[in-house]
Amino acid sequence: CKTLRRLLLLVDGWTTPAVMTLPPTSCKAWDLYASSRARTPGQAYFTVRTRFDLERKTNAGGTAYSVVKLTVGSSLTDEEAAAVLSIRAQYSELVRSLEIEAAEFADFEA
């Protein structure tokens, strides 16, 4: 069983949230980001815009893979934060109940 993180993303200009599944190689980066945001009063990860980039890495066997790199953008307005909390409440059970399909990730041999 692989450890994955399923995120609900609100993309500026989109009317419906996007669901993003982070692979095992990016779970630690997400957990560190989310916990560091929680330690800053009023700056939880869901109260700021977050930029997602990919950082290319190579394992000891020479296989290339990517790890998500997260950086904090601007804080949300009170109105935006209220909307995020509302959407978060609406979709939280759905996201938790979604099963992860094998097609969502793949292991590649070198």
Protein backbone atom coordinates (compact mmCIF):
# COMPACT_ATOMS: atom_id res chain seq x y z
CA CYS A 1 0.00 0.00 0.00
CA LYS A 2 1.46 3.35 -1.02
CA THR A 3 1.10 6.53 0.99
CA LEU A 4 -0.58 9.22 -1.10
CA ARG A 5 -2.21 12.57 -0.33
CA ARG A 6 -5.39 13.68 -2.02
CA LEU A 7 -5.73 17.48 -2.18
CA LEU A 8 -8.69 19.62 -3.14
CA LEU A 9 -7.38 22.63 -5.09
CA LEU A 10 -9.22 25.86 -5.76
CA VAL A 11 -7.79 27.34 -8.92
CA ASP A 12 -8.36 31.04 -9.59
CA GLY A 13 -10.99 31.41 -12.30
CA TRP A 14 -12.33 27.85 -12.02
CA THR A 15 -15.87 27.23 -10.77
CA THR A 16 -15.23 23.69 -9.50
CA PRO A 17 -12.36 22.48 -7.30
CA ALA A 18 -9.74 20.18 -8.78
CA VAL A 19 -8.62 16.99 -7.05
CA MET A 20 -4.88 16.36 -7.07
CA THR A 21 -3.23 13.19 -5.79
CA LEU A 22 0.32 13.58 -4.52
CA PRO A 23 2.54 10.51 -4.99
CA PRO A 24 4.65 9.03 -2.18
CA THR A 25 7.67 11.10 -3.27
CA SER A 26 5.78 14.32 -2.46
CA CYS A 27 3.91 13.40 0.74
CA LYS A 28 6.72 14.55 3.04
CA ALA A 29 6.97 17.91 1.25
CA TRP A 30 3.22 18.44 1.61
CA ASP A 31 3.18 17.39 5.27
CA LEU A 32 6.07 19.75 6.10
CA TYR A 33 4.41 22.62 4.23
CA ALA A 34 1.01 22.10 5.88
CA SER A 35 2.47 21.75 9.38
CA SER A 36 4.72 24.81 8.96
CA ARG A 37 1.69 26.85 7.89
CA ALA A 38 -0.25 25.61 10.94
CA ARG A 39 2.48 26.97 13.23
CA THR A 40 1.96 30.49 11.87
CA PRO A 41 -1.15 32.00 13.49
CA GLY A 42 -3.83 32.81 10.92
CA GLN A 43 -1.76 31.33 8.09
CA ALA A 44 -2.98 27.74 7.70
CA TYR A 45 -2.34 26.27 4.26
CA PHE A 46 -5.96 26.86 3.28
CA THR A 47 -5.77 30.61 4.05
CA VAL A 48 -3.04 31.42 1.52
CA ARG A 49 -2.41 30.90 -2.16
CA THR A 50 0.12 28.13 -2.69
CA ARG A 51 2.34 27.71 -5.71
CA PHE A 52 3.01 24.13 -6.83
CA ASP A 53 6.20 23.41 -8.78
CA LEU A 54 8.04 20.20 -9.53
CA GLU A 55 11.65 19.63 -8.55
CA ARG A 56 13.47 16.96 -10.56
CA LYS A 57 15.43 14.39 -8.54
CA THR A 58 17.32 11.19 -9.35
CA ASN A 59 17.49 8.15 -7.10
CA ALA A 60 20.63 6.08 -6.42
CA GLY A 61 19.76 3.80 -9.34
CA GLY A 62 19.65 6.73 -11.75
CA THR A 63 15.87 6.84 -12.12
CA ALA A 64 14.51 10.38 -12.44
CA TYR A 65 11.42 11.42 -10.51
CA SER A 66 9.80 14.65 -9.35
CA VAL A 67 8.94 16.03 -5.93
CA VAL A 68 6.40 18.77 -5.41
CA LYS A 69 7.87 22.09 -4.27
CA LEU A 70 5.41 24.33 -2.42
CA THR A 71 5.77 28.05 -1.82
CA VAL A 72 3.47 30.50 -0.09
CA GLY A 73 1.83 33.16 -2.20
CA SER A 74 -0.47 35.91 -1.03
CA SER A 75 -2.91 35.65 1.85
CA LEU A 76 -6.58 35.25 1.00
CA THR A 77 -9.02 38.03 1.74
CA ASP A 78 -11.60 37.37 4.47
CA GLU A 79 -14.21 36.78 1.76
CA GLU A 80 -11.96 34.33 -0.11
CA ALA A 81 -11.09 32.49 3.12
CA ALA A 82 -14.79 32.14 3.97
CA ALA A 83 -15.46 30.72 0.50
CA VAL A 84 -12.57 28.25 0.90
CA LEU A 85 -13.89 27.05 4.26
CA SER A 86 -17.37 26.60 2.78
CA ILE A 87 -16.05 24.58 -0.16
CA ARG A 88 -13.79 22.60 2.16
CA ALA A 89 -16.80 21.60 4.27
CA GLN A 90 -18.83 20.67 1.17
CA TYR A 91 -16.15 18.46 -0.37
CA SER A 92 -14.26 17.00 2.60
CA GLU A 93 -16.27 13.78 2.84
CA LEU A 94 -16.15 13.28 -0.92
CA VAL A 95 -12.37 13.61 -1.01
CA ARG A 96 -11.95 11.25 1.95
CA SER A 97 -14.21 8.65 0.36
CA LEU A 98 -12.55 8.61 -3.07
CA GLU A 99 -10.60 5.44 -3.64
CA ILE A 100 -7.22 5.72 -5.25
CA GLU A 101 -7.06 3.82 -8.51
CA ALA A 102 -3.91 2.12 -9.80
CA ALA A 103 -4.09 4.29 -12.94
CA GLU A 104 -3.47 7.40 -10.82
CA PHE A 105 0.14 6.46 -10.24
CA ALA A 106 2.71 4.26 -11.88
CA ASP A 107 6.04 2.73 -11.01
CA PHE A 108 8.60 2.95 -13.78
CA GLU A 109 11.51 0.62 -14.19
CA ALA A 110 14.82 2.18 -15.21
